[in-house]
Amino acid sequence: MNLQQFAETHQVSNQPPSLDGANLYRLDVPLQEWSRRFGAGWAQARIDAYGALAGGPLMAAGFLANEHPPVFHSHDRYGNRLDTVEFHPAYHQLMATAIKHGLHALPWLEPQPGAHVARAAMTYLHSQAEAGSGCPLTMTFASVPALRLQPDLAERWLPKVLATEYDPRNLEISHKAGATIGMAMTEKQGGTDVRANTTRAFAVGQPGPGQAYELLGHKWFCSAPMCDAFLTLAYTDEGLSCFLLPRHRPDGSRNAFYIQRLKHKLGNRSNASSEVEYRGALAWMIGEPGRGVPTILEMVAMTRFDCMVGSSALMRQALTQAIHHCTHRSVGGRPLVEQPLMQNVLADLALESEAALALSLRMGQALDQLADPGQALFARLVTAVGKYWICKRAPGMINEAAECLGGAGYVEDSILPRLYREAPVNSTWEGSGNVQCLDVLRALSKEPGVVEALFAELGDGHGDRRLAAAIQRLQADLRNTAELPYRARQLTEDLALTLQAKLLLEAGNSAVSDGFMASRLEHRAGAYGALPRGVEVQALVQRSAPGL
């Protein structure tokens, strides 16, 4: 018997075609509409171009960068201390592309209406391809407001920070074409409570803002340790202060900045996170002594915004994968996307994704309008509200999207496991859930005008009884101050959902706004796929998946 005729046991069928090379912007009608709505119409061609990169070469680079994580080299073969981290070329490709297109600096380089929204839209596309590289990008972006508090340091550093040329060489800043900035605040004994830090700073000469100090201590988390400098916290006699600590001293020699080890993390694997020690590391004070926390919060506000954008991006890519699979996969001779229960699930995921994007880009619009006191107050509150809610929703939403693919969603080739591992970092980094909710309470109770800015944004319900009722509930909850810290999560959730509902209603797509309010304000289900009757599920799925 000739067994060769049986070598091919079957033909591959009932599988979705590859999404490789898809333009992620053109697949995303909500992104197109919301970015225009909030002022980035002028940047659509740039966002479109980045969508092609994100779905093509950057997506491929993302897989490689995660298959080949960074490697720490403490010493060379002769025993000399190195303290370097080696990255795969794909990681450098991701960084170089992002910096060339201004993802680290666009609003600072081109300050115009919609600049923050345009940058957020491109960051949203980049993060779908690979989220780990977003860590140094967002810290570099967010360092600018803090650096500007110290003009003498800003004059030296900002030209390199704002440069659109990526330069990964391990050199002193004057020899580089561009620079990236990291941060290191957390210590073992304190975690979120940075006032428990023990790192000390000693003036080299004259003390005070802009002056040189030597730092002695440790940091339990130092993100992206191959950055060119780090914003960090240390105690002086006046209290906890903020410093800029470069990897190299001005004479080109290595600073006393020692990497102890890299963190072995759940996700974010393409990016290096580390433990470091300062053994007399040279650094320069930024801002007033003893005002380190308010100073570094200039940076944290921006990185928390990027956590919102990043989590929205992960949800969007998970949704894209789920709808694409269900469109091309048949069960019982019928495409999954046409089956009622799967339509319910996919439409629910689409609502979650679009609401997250809408709130994130509305936040971007507020950042574009900080000269308006009302917008500044709105941004102060929504930074914490959005950081909590969007980042909290991402892991569960991505898990549900993976389930739409069955076993295919559980294997690495599908990207969904990576998205799922990545999701918790945004809810933990820059203050986990309780920290954000307590910050919401702080903003509402201690900062004049925040409550008024909130209800000016919400209005009276815009003629919708469900939204009007939700706004009235919020007003009653804020009057009832008893046990607010105990109820802070519920309050923050209600704030987020009400703000999202208002944004969706104003945008004018009734299928989206009605579906959202019916499922989030009227009937809150414990799992995705429990949309009530009357929701236009087919329209919602089609809106989020043109051409899939």
Protein backbone atom coordinates (compact mmCIF):
# COMPACT_ATOMS: atom_id res chain seq x y z
CA MET A 1 0.00 0.00 0.00
CA ASN A 2 1.30 3.48 -0.87
CA LEU A 3 0.75 5.47 2.32
CA GLN A 4 1.99 8.70 0.72
CA GLN A 5 -1.48 9.34 -0.61
CA PHE A 6 -2.64 9.68 3.02
CA ALA A 7 0.03 12.24 4.05
CA GLU A 8 -2.44 15.08 3.74
CA THR A 9 -5.11 14.22 6.29
CA HIS A 10 -7.38 17.21 5.72
CA GLN A 11 -7.85 20.60 4.14
CA VAL A 12 -7.79 23.69 6.36
CA SER A 13 -11.21 25.31 6.38
CA ASN A 14 -13.50 27.42 8.53
CA GLN A 15 -10.63 29.63 9.68
CA PRO A 16 -10.51 33.44 9.53
CA PRO A 17 -8.11 35.06 7.07
CA SER A 18 -5.06 36.80 8.45
CA LEU A 19 -5.38 40.37 9.72
CA ASP A 20 -1.69 41.02 9.03
CA GLY A 21 -1.22 44.38 7.38
CA ALA A 22 -4.66 45.77 8.18
CA ASN A 23 -4.85 49.53 8.71
CA LEU A 24 -6.13 49.69 12.30
CA TYR A 25 -7.41 53.24 11.85
CA ARG A 26 -9.58 52.34 8.86
CA LEU A 27 -11.10 49.43 10.77
CA ASP A 28 -12.10 51.76 13.59
CA VAL A 29 -15.06 54.04 12.84
CA PRO A 30 -15.38 55.08 16.52
CA LEU A 31 -11.76 56.29 16.53
CA GLN A 32 -12.30 58.25 13.34
CA GLU A 33 -15.43 59.93 14.68
CA TRP A 34 -14.27 60.66 18.24
CA SER A 35 -10.88 62.02 17.24
CA ARG A 36 -12.59 64.42 14.84
CA ARG A 37 -15.24 65.32 17.39
CA PHE A 38 -12.66 66.37 19.96
CA GLY A 39 -10.55 68.53 17.68
CA ALA A 40 -8.08 66.31 15.81
CA GLY A 41 -9.69 66.55 12.39
CA TRP A 42 -6.55 68.25 11.10
CA ALA A 43 -4.48 65.19 12.03
CA GLN A 44 -6.57 62.47 10.37
CA ALA A 45 -4.03 61.81 7.62
CA ARG A 46 -1.30 61.37 10.22
CA ILE A 47 -3.46 59.09 12.34
CA ASP A 48 -4.40 57.09 9.24
CA ALA A 49 -0.72 56.67 8.34
CA TYR A 50 0.03 55.44 11.83
CA GLY A 51 -2.87 53.01 11.61
CA ALA A 52 -1.16 51.38 8.63
CA LEU A 53 2.10 51.12 10.54
CA ALA A 54 0.42 49.75 13.66
CA GLY A 55 -1.41 47.00 11.78
CA GLY A 56 1.61 46.13 9.64
CA PRO A 57 5.30 46.42 10.58
CA LEU A 58 4.69 47.44 14.19
CA MET A 59 2.34 44.52 14.82
CA ALA A 60 5.03 42.15 13.57
CA ALA A 61 7.67 43.91 15.65
CA GLY A 62 5.43 43.62 18.70
CA PHE A 63 5.40 39.84 18.48
CA LEU A 64 9.18 39.73 18.14
CA ALA A 65 9.79 42.15 21.00
CA ASN A 66 7.69 40.00 23.30
CA GLU A 67 9.26 36.73 22.16
CA HIS A 68 12.71 38.20 22.89
CA PRO A 69 12.42 40.15 26.17
CA PRO A 70 15.16 42.49 27.44
CA VAL A 71 18.30 41.03 29.01
CA PHE A 72 20.21 42.63 31.88
CA HIS A 73 24.01 42.75 31.75
CA SER A 74 25.45 43.66 35.14
CA HIS A 75 29.14 43.24 34.20
CA ASP A 76 31.30 42.72 31.17
CA ARG A 77 33.45 39.61 30.77
CA TYR A 78 36.35 41.31 32.55
CA GLY A 79 34.30 42.06 35.66
CA ASN A 80 33.64 45.75 34.97
CA ARG A 81 30.24 47.00 36.02
CA LEU A 82 27.96 47.75 33.03
CA ASP A 83 24.37 48.15 34.27
CA THR A 84 22.94 47.91 30.79
CA VAL A 85 19.82 46.31 29.35
CA GLU A 86 19.88 44.78 25.89
CA PHE A 87 16.72 44.94 23.76
CA HIS A 88 15.79 43.06 20.61
CA PRO A 89 16.01 45.14 17.40
CA ALA A 90 12.21 44.94 17.10
CA TYR A 91 11.85 46.93 20.32
CA HIS A 92 14.12 49.64 18.93
CA GLN A 93 12.03 49.63 15.74
CA LEU A 94 8.90 50.28 17.81
CA MET A 95 10.55 53.09 19.74
CA ALA A 96 12.10 54.71 16.68
CA THR A 97 8.82 54.71 14.77
CA ALA A 98 6.85 56.15 17.67
CA ILE A 99 9.36 58.92 18.35
CA LYS A 100 9.67 59.80 14.67
CA HIS A 101 5.90 60.38 14.61
CA GLY A 102 5.86 62.40 17.82
CA LEU A 103 4.09 60.00 20.17
CA HIS A 104 6.41 61.19 22.92
CA ALA A 105 6.01 64.91 22.27
CA LEU A 106 3.36 65.99 19.76
CA PRO A 107 1.40 68.42 22.01
CA TRP A 108 4.64 70.09 23.11
CA LEU A 109 6.07 70.31 19.59
CA GLU A 110 2.82 71.43 17.91
CA PRO A 111 0.69 73.09 20.59
CA GLN A 112 -2.64 73.61 18.86
CA PRO A 113 -6.26 72.61 19.46
CA GLY A 114 -6.59 68.84 19.22
CA ALA A 115 -2.89 68.07 19.68
CA HIS A 116 -3.40 65.95 22.80
CA VAL A 117 -6.27 64.16 21.08
CA ALA A 118 -4.18 63.48 17.96
CA ARG A 119 -1.32 62.11 20.01
CA ALA A 120 -3.70 59.98 22.06
CA ALA A 121 -5.22 58.55 18.87
CA MET A 122 -1.81 57.53 17.54
CA THR A 123 -0.79 56.16 20.94
CA TYR A 124 -4.04 54.16 20.93
CA LEU A 125 -3.02 52.60 17.60
CA HIS A 126 0.58 51.98 18.69
CA SER A 127 -0.51 50.27 21.90
CA GLN A 128 -2.63 47.80 19.95
CA ALA A 129 0.51 46.62 18.18
CA GLU A 130 2.76 46.61 21.25
CA ALA A 131 2.09 48.15 24.63
CA GLY A 132 5.38 47.61 26.46
CA SER A 133 7.22 50.27 24.45
CA GLY A 134 4.56 52.69 25.62
CA CYS A 135 6.19 52.86 29.05
CA PRO A 136 9.26 54.98 28.11
CA LEU A 137 7.18 56.86 25.54
CA THR A 138 4.59 57.98 28.06
CA MET A 139 7.18 58.86 30.71
CA THR A 140 9.14 60.94 28.22
CA PHE A 141 5.94 62.69 27.15
CA ALA A 142 4.85 63.25 30.74
CA SER A 143 8.21 64.55 31.94
CA VAL A 144 7.88 67.82 30.03
CA PRO A 145 5.55 69.68 32.44
CA ALA A 146 7.76 68.69 35.37
CA LEU A 147 10.99 69.69 33.61
CA ARG A 148 9.51 73.06 32.70
CA LEU A 149 9.20 73.83 36.40
CA GLN A 150 13.00 74.17 36.41
CA PRO A 151 13.93 76.39 33.44
CA ASP A 152 17.70 75.93 33.71
CA LEU A 153 17.40 72.15 33.50
CA ALA A 154 14.68 72.40 30.85
CA GLU A 155 17.00 74.46 28.65
CA ARG A 156 19.55 71.65 28.65
CA TRP A 157 17.24 68.64 28.51
CA LEU A 158 14.11 69.57 26.58
CA PRO A 159 15.75 69.88 23.12
CA LYS A 160 16.82 66.24 23.43
CA VAL A 161 13.58 65.07 25.05
CA LEU A 162 11.48 66.69 22.32
CA ALA A 163 13.68 65.52 19.45
CA THR A 164 12.00 63.18 16.98
CA GLU A 165 15.09 61.00 16.58
CA TYR A 166 15.41 57.89 18.73
CA ASP A 167 18.94 57.39 20.03
CA PRO A 168 19.35 54.30 22.23
CA ARG A 169 23.10 54.68 22.70
CA ASN A 170 24.33 54.64 26.28
CA LEU A 171 26.02 58.05 26.24
CA GLU A 172 26.02 61.34 28.10
CA ILE A 173 23.19 63.58 26.89
CA SER A 174 25.33 66.10 25.00
CA HIS A 175 26.49 63.35 22.63
CA LYS A 176 22.99 62.12 21.77
CA ALA A 177 20.45 63.11 19.14
CA GLY A 178 17.48 62.42 21.41
CA ALA A 179 16.70 61.35 24.95
CA THR A 180 14.09 59.40 26.88
CA ILE A 181 13.04 59.96 30.48
CA GLY A 182 12.00 57.39 33.08
CA MET A 183 10.80 57.60 36.65
CA ALA A 184 11.62 55.90 39.94
CA MET A 185 9.53 56.65 43.00
CA THR A 186 8.47 53.43 44.72
CA GLU A 187 10.51 51.90 47.53
CA LYS A 188 10.13 48.52 49.26
CA GLN A 189 8.76 49.77 52.54
CA GLY A 190 6.34 52.32 51.14
CA GLY A 191 4.85 51.39 47.79
CA THR A 192 2.20 53.97 47.02
CA ASP A 193 3.02 55.78 50.26
CA VAL A 194 6.04 57.66 48.92
CA ARG A 195 6.31 59.64 52.16
CA ALA A 196 7.64 56.42 53.70
CA ASN A 197 10.64 56.61 51.35
CA THR A 198 14.11 56.61 52.91
CA THR A 199 16.31 57.76 50.00
CA ARG A 200 18.28 60.83 51.05
CA ALA A 201 19.70 63.73 49.02
CA PHE A 202 22.79 65.70 50.06
CA ALA A 203 23.67 69.02 48.46
CA VAL A 204 26.98 69.03 46.62
CA GLY A 205 27.32 72.78 47.07
CA GLN A 206 24.64 75.40 47.30
CA PRO A 207 21.27 73.74 48.05
CA GLY A 208 17.97 74.55 46.38
CA PRO A 209 16.08 74.32 43.08
CA GLY A 210 18.27 73.50 40.10
CA GLN A 211 21.24 72.63 42.29
CA ALA A 212 23.27 69.42 42.33
CA TYR A 213 22.77 66.75 45.00
CA GLU A 214 24.03 63.25 45.61
CA LEU A 215 21.38 60.61 46.30
CA LEU A 216 21.75 57.57 48.54
CA GLY A 217 19.01 54.93 48.59
CA HIS A 218 17.03 52.45 46.55
CA LYS A 219 13.95 52.21 44.32
CA TRP A 220 11.86 49.05 44.18
CA PHE A 221 10.42 49.93 40.76
CA CYS A 222 12.37 51.88 38.17
CA SER A 223 10.59 51.78 34.85
CA ALA A 224 12.64 51.56 31.64
CA PRO A 225 16.10 51.71 33.27
CA MET A 226 17.89 52.40 29.97
CA CYS A 227 16.33 55.86 29.77
CA ASP A 228 18.76 58.75 29.78
CA ALA A 229 17.48 60.26 33.03
CA PHE A 230 14.86 59.66 35.70
CA LEU A 231 12.55 61.78 37.75
CA THR A 232 12.87 60.49 41.29
CA LEU A 233 12.13 61.40 44.90
CA ALA A 234 14.50 61.80 47.85
CA TYR A 235 14.46 63.51 51.23
CA THR A 236 16.35 66.70 52.00
CA ASP A 237 16.20 68.51 55.33
CA GLU A 238 13.16 70.39 53.98
CA GLY A 239 11.25 67.20 53.11
CA LEU A 240 10.56 64.93 50.16
CA SER A 241 11.89 66.60 46.99
CA CYS A 242 11.97 65.86 43.27
CA PHE A 243 15.19 65.32 41.30
CA LEU A 244 16.36 64.67 37.76
CA LEU A 245 18.93 61.87 37.88
CA PRO A 246 20.83 61.15 34.61
CA ARG A 247 22.55 57.88 33.77
CA HIS A 248 25.76 59.79 33.11
CA ARG A 249 27.56 62.65 34.82
CA PRO A 250 28.34 65.76 32.76
CA ASP A 251 31.93 64.58 32.23
CA GLY A 252 30.61 61.44 30.50
CA SER A 253 31.38 59.03 33.32
CA ARG A 254 28.75 56.60 34.62
CA ASN A 255 26.55 57.92 37.36
CA ALA A 256 26.31 55.91 40.58
CA PHE A 257 23.06 54.34 39.38
CA TYR A 258 23.10 50.57 39.82
CA ILE A 259 20.54 48.13 38.43
CA GLN A 260 20.03 45.29 40.87
CA ARG A 261 17.81 43.09 38.72
CA LEU A 262 14.96 43.20 36.23
CA LYS A 263 11.44 42.44 37.37
CA HIS A 264 9.89 39.18 36.17
CA LYS A 265 6.40 40.49 35.42
CA LEU A 266 2.99 39.13 34.53
CA GLY A 267 2.95 41.16 31.32
CA ASN A 268 4.67 44.20 29.84
CA ARG A 269 7.42 41.79 28.87
CA SER A 270 9.03 43.75 26.06
CA ASN A 271 9.76 46.55 28.50
CA ALA A 272 12.36 46.39 31.26
CA SER A 273 11.35 47.25 34.80
CA SER A 274 14.01 47.12 37.48
CA GLU A 275 15.19 47.55 41.03
CA VAL A 276 17.95 50.14 41.39
CA GLU A 277 20.25 51.63 43.99
CA TYR A 278 21.69 55.14 44.20
CA ARG A 279 25.15 55.12 45.76
CA GLY A 280 25.93 58.81 45.68
CA ALA A 281 24.19 59.32 42.33
CA LEU A 282 24.40 62.87 41.03
CA ALA A 283 21.00 64.54 40.50
CA TRP A 284 19.52 68.02 40.20
CA MET A 285 16.58 69.32 42.19
CA ILE A 286 13.41 70.20 40.29
CA GLY A 287 11.02 72.60 41.95
CA GLU A 288 11.07 73.72 45.54
CA PRO A 289 12.63 71.57 48.27
CA GLY A 290 10.04 69.63 50.21
CA ARG A 291 7.58 69.89 47.30
CA GLY A 292 8.57 66.70 45.56
CA VAL A 293 5.13 65.09 45.48
CA PRO A 294 3.32 68.06 43.88
CA THR A 295 6.20 68.41 41.43
CA ILE A 296 6.20 64.81 40.27
CA LEU A 297 2.40 64.84 40.09
CA GLU A 298 2.87 67.11 37.08
CA MET A 299 4.22 63.97 35.42
CA VAL A 300 1.85 61.47 37.00
CA ALA A 301 -1.27 63.27 35.72
CA MET A 302 -0.08 62.71 32.16
CA THR A 303 0.97 59.11 32.67
CA ARG A 304 -2.42 58.33 34.22
CA PHE A 305 -4.05 59.75 31.11
CA ASP A 306 -1.95 57.40 29.02
CA CYS A 307 -3.10 54.50 31.21
CA MET A 308 -6.65 55.34 30.09
CA VAL A 309 -5.60 55.46 26.45
CA GLY A 310 -3.52 52.29 26.75
CA SER A 311 -6.31 50.25 28.33
CA SER A 312 -8.76 51.52 25.73
CA ALA A 313 -6.31 50.37 23.05
CA LEU A 314 -5.99 46.88 24.50
CA MET A 315 -9.78 46.56 24.59
CA ARG A 316 -10.08 47.75 21.01
CA GLN A 317 -7.56 45.23 19.67
CA ALA A 318 -9.29 42.45 21.61
CA LEU A 319 -12.62 43.51 20.10
CA THR A 320 -11.13 43.61 16.60
CA GLN A 321 -9.79 40.09 16.98
CA ALA A 322 -13.09 38.78 18.37
CA ILE A 323 -15.30 40.27 15.66
CA HIS A 324 -12.89 39.23 12.91
CA HIS A 325 -12.90 35.64 14.14
CA CYS A 326 -16.66 35.49 14.56
CA THR A 327 -17.26 37.00 11.12
CA HIS A 328 -15.31 34.25 9.39
CA ARG A 329 -15.96 31.30 11.68
CA SER A 330 -19.10 29.20 11.22
CA VAL A 331 -20.77 26.88 13.71
CA GLY A 332 -23.64 24.68 12.55
CA GLY A 333 -23.30 26.10 9.06
CA ARG A 334 -23.90 29.68 10.22
CA PRO A 335 -21.33 32.42 10.88
CA LEU A 336 -20.87 33.08 14.59
CA VAL A 337 -21.43 36.80 14.06
CA GLU A 338 -24.98 36.07 12.90
CA GLN A 339 -25.92 33.99 15.92
CA PRO A 340 -28.04 35.89 18.46
CA LEU A 341 -26.12 35.12 21.63
CA MET A 342 -22.77 35.91 20.04
CA GLN A 343 -24.20 39.16 18.67
CA ASN A 344 -25.21 40.04 22.23
CA VAL A 345 -21.67 39.42 23.50
CA LEU A 346 -19.90 41.25 20.66
CA ALA A 347 -22.24 44.24 20.84
CA ASP A 348 -21.67 44.49 24.60
CA LEU A 349 -17.90 44.42 24.07
CA ALA A 350 -18.24 47.08 21.38
CA LEU A 351 -20.14 49.34 23.79
CA GLU A 352 -17.41 48.93 26.41
CA SER A 353 -14.68 49.71 23.92
CA GLU A 354 -16.30 52.79 22.46
CA ALA A 355 -17.25 54.25 25.84
CA ALA A 356 -13.64 53.86 27.00
CA LEU A 357 -12.34 55.58 23.88
CA ALA A 358 -14.87 58.42 24.17
CA LEU A 359 -13.94 59.22 27.77
CA SER A 360 -10.22 58.99 27.01
CA LEU A 361 -10.37 61.37 24.06
CA ARG A 362 -12.66 63.74 25.97
CA MET A 363 -9.91 63.83 28.56
CA GLY A 364 -7.47 64.64 25.76
CA GLN A 365 -9.69 67.54 24.72
CA ALA A 366 -9.64 68.85 28.30
CA LEU A 367 -5.83 68.72 28.26
CA ASP A 368 -5.90 70.76 25.07
CA GLN A 369 -7.99 73.38 26.89
CA LEU A 370 -6.26 73.68 30.27
CA ALA A 371 -6.22 77.45 29.94
CA ASP A 372 -9.96 77.26 30.63
CA PRO A 373 -10.36 76.87 34.43
CA GLY A 374 -13.43 74.69 34.01
CA GLN A 375 -11.59 72.31 31.70
CA ALA A 376 -8.63 72.16 34.08
CA LEU A 377 -10.95 71.20 36.94
CA PHE A 378 -12.69 68.63 34.76
CA ALA A 379 -9.34 67.11 33.82
CA ARG A 380 -8.30 66.99 37.47
CA LEU A 381 -11.29 64.81 38.32
CA VAL A 382 -11.54 62.68 35.19
CA THR A 383 -7.86 61.71 35.31
CA ALA A 384 -8.66 59.67 38.41
CA VAL A 385 -12.15 58.58 37.36
CA GLY A 386 -11.01 57.34 33.95
CA LYS A 387 -7.80 55.78 35.22
CA TYR A 388 -9.83 53.75 37.70
CA TRP A 389 -12.74 52.66 35.56
CA ILE A 390 -11.25 52.07 32.11
CA CYS A 391 -8.21 50.27 33.47
CA LYS A 392 -10.40 48.20 35.80
CA ARG A 393 -12.68 47.09 32.97
CA ALA A 394 -9.94 46.05 30.56
CA PRO A 395 -8.91 42.62 31.94
CA GLY A 396 -12.47 41.26 32.12
CA MET A 397 -13.38 42.65 28.73
CA ILE A 398 -10.30 41.14 27.09
CA ASN A 399 -10.98 37.80 28.75
CA GLU A 400 -14.48 37.80 27.25
CA ALA A 401 -13.12 38.70 23.83
CA ALA A 402 -10.63 35.83 24.01
CA GLU A 403 -13.46 33.47 24.87
CA CYS A 404 -15.17 34.42 21.62
CA LEU A 405 -12.33 32.62 19.84
CA GLY A 406 -12.58 29.54 22.03
CA GLY A 407 -9.27 27.67 22.32
CA ALA A 408 -7.80 29.77 19.51
CA GLY A 409 -7.96 32.77 21.83
CA TYR A 410 -5.87 30.99 24.44
CA VAL A 411 -2.77 30.55 22.28
CA GLU A 412 -0.08 33.18 21.92
CA ASP A 413 -0.37 33.45 18.13
CA SER A 414 -3.74 35.12 18.52
CA ILE A 415 -2.27 38.11 20.51
CA LEU A 416 -5.11 37.85 23.03
CA PRO A 417 -3.02 36.23 25.80
CA ARG A 418 -0.55 39.11 25.50
CA LEU A 419 -3.35 41.67 25.66
CA TYR A 420 -4.78 39.93 28.72
CA ARG A 421 -1.42 39.85 30.53
CA GLU A 422 -0.82 43.47 29.63
CA ALA A 423 -4.14 44.78 30.94
CA PRO A 424 -3.44 44.72 34.71
CA VAL A 425 -0.37 46.93 34.44
CA ASN A 426 -2.43 50.03 33.69
CA SER A 427 -4.72 49.49 36.66
CA THR A 428 -1.74 48.98 39.00
CA TRP A 429 0.89 51.41 37.70
CA GLU A 430 0.64 55.06 38.79
CA GLY A 431 -1.73 54.22 41.63
CA SER A 432 -4.00 51.20 41.82
CA GLY A 433 -7.79 51.25 42.12
CA ASN A 434 -8.16 52.39 45.71
CA VAL A 435 -5.61 55.16 45.21
CA GLN A 436 -7.61 56.52 42.27
CA CYS A 437 -10.92 56.36 44.11
CA LEU A 438 -9.51 58.18 47.11
CA ASP A 439 -8.09 60.77 44.72
CA VAL A 440 -11.60 61.21 43.31
CA LEU A 441 -12.85 61.94 46.82
CA ARG A 442 -9.98 64.33 47.40
CA ALA A 443 -10.75 66.25 44.23
CA LEU A 444 -14.48 66.43 44.96
CA SER A 445 -14.16 67.46 48.60
CA LYS A 446 -11.01 69.57 48.77
CA GLU A 447 -10.57 71.33 45.45
CA PRO A 448 -12.95 74.24 44.91
CA GLY A 449 -14.91 74.17 41.70
CA VAL A 450 -14.47 70.49 40.82
CA VAL A 451 -18.05 69.51 41.68
CA GLU A 452 -19.39 72.46 39.71
CA ALA A 453 -17.19 71.55 36.73
CA LEU A 454 -18.50 67.97 36.86
CA PHE A 455 -22.16 68.93 36.75
CA ALA A 456 -21.52 71.65 34.17
CA GLU A 457 -20.20 68.85 31.97
CA LEU A 458 -23.08 66.50 32.71
CA GLY A 459 -25.85 69.08 32.33
CA ASP A 460 -29.43 68.09 33.06
CA GLY A 461 -29.62 64.84 31.11
CA HIS A 462 -30.08 66.29 27.63
CA GLY A 463 -33.67 65.14 27.50
CA ASP A 464 -32.95 61.50 28.33
CA ARG A 465 -34.72 60.27 31.46
CA ARG A 466 -32.12 57.56 32.16
CA LEU A 467 -29.23 59.99 32.08
CA ALA A 468 -31.18 62.58 34.07
CA ALA A 469 -31.89 59.97 36.75
CA ALA A 470 -28.22 58.97 36.91
CA ILE A 471 -27.18 62.61 37.35
CA GLN A 472 -29.71 63.06 40.13
CA ARG A 473 -28.38 59.95 41.87
CA LEU A 474 -24.88 61.37 41.71
CA GLN A 475 -26.02 64.63 43.23
CA ALA A 476 -27.72 62.76 46.08
CA ASP A 477 -24.66 60.57 46.64
CA LEU A 478 -22.40 63.59 46.92
CA ARG A 479 -24.70 65.20 49.48
CA ASN A 480 -24.56 62.03 51.56
CA THR A 481 -21.02 62.33 52.86
CA ALA A 482 -21.34 59.57 55.48
CA GLU A 483 -18.88 56.75 54.83
CA LEU A 484 -17.77 58.18 51.49
CA PRO A 485 -14.37 56.43 51.72
CA TYR A 486 -16.19 53.10 52.08
CA ARG A 487 -18.37 53.88 49.05
CA ALA A 488 -15.63 55.44 46.94
CA ARG A 489 -15.46 52.66 44.36
CA GLN A 490 -19.19 52.69 43.73
CA LEU A 491 -19.19 56.47 43.45
CA THR A 492 -16.27 56.45 41.00
CA GLU A 493 -17.95 53.78 38.89
CA ASP A 494 -21.17 55.81 38.79
CA LEU A 495 -19.22 58.93 37.80
CA ALA A 496 -17.51 57.08 34.96
CA LEU A 497 -20.67 55.49 33.59
CA THR A 498 -22.64 58.73 33.77
CA LEU A 499 -19.90 60.67 32.00
CA GLN A 500 -19.61 58.00 29.32
CA ALA A 501 -23.38 57.92 28.81
CA LYS A 502 -23.47 61.69 28.42
CA LEU A 503 -20.67 61.65 25.83
CA LEU A 504 -22.31 58.89 23.81
CA LEU A 505 -25.69 60.59 23.89
CA GLU A 506 -24.24 63.90 22.70
CA ALA A 507 -22.48 62.20 19.80
CA GLY A 508 -25.85 61.36 18.31
CA ASN A 509 -25.61 57.65 17.45
CA SER A 510 -28.75 56.31 19.08
CA ALA A 511 -27.77 52.65 18.71
CA VAL A 512 -24.66 53.30 20.78
CA SER A 513 -26.13 55.64 23.40
CA ASP A 514 -29.37 53.68 23.87
CA GLY A 515 -27.49 50.40 24.14
CA PHE A 516 -25.06 51.83 26.65
CA MET A 517 -27.68 53.43 28.89
CA ALA A 518 -29.97 50.41 28.76
CA SER A 519 -27.14 48.10 29.83
CA ARG A 520 -25.13 50.37 32.14
CA LEU A 521 -27.59 52.82 33.71
CA GLU A 522 -30.81 50.79 33.75
CA HIS A 523 -29.78 47.13 33.84
CA ARG A 524 -26.30 46.34 35.11
CA ALA A 525 -25.43 42.76 34.26
CA GLY A 526 -22.65 40.83 35.93
CA ALA A 527 -21.24 39.45 32.68
CA TYR A 528 -20.92 40.61 29.09
CA GLY A 529 -23.57 39.37 26.69
CA ALA A 530 -26.62 40.21 28.79
CA LEU A 531 -27.86 43.20 26.80
CA PRO A 532 -31.60 43.73 27.21
CA ARG A 533 -34.09 43.41 24.35
CA GLY A 534 -34.27 46.39 22.05
CA VAL A 535 -30.54 47.03 21.75
CA GLU A 536 -29.45 47.26 18.11
CA VAL A 537 -26.79 44.58 18.37
CA GLN A 538 -26.19 44.12 14.65
CA ALA A 539 -25.63 47.83 14.15
CA LEU A 540 -23.19 47.96 17.07
CA VAL A 541 -21.13 45.05 15.78
CA GLN A 542 -21.03 46.43 12.23
CA ARG A 543 -20.00 49.87 13.48
CA SER A 544 -16.94 48.42 15.19
CA ALA A 545 -15.91 46.12 12.36
CA PRO A 546 -16.23 47.61 8.88
CA GLY A 547 -14.67 45.30 6.35
CA LEU A 548 -13.94 42.49 8.78
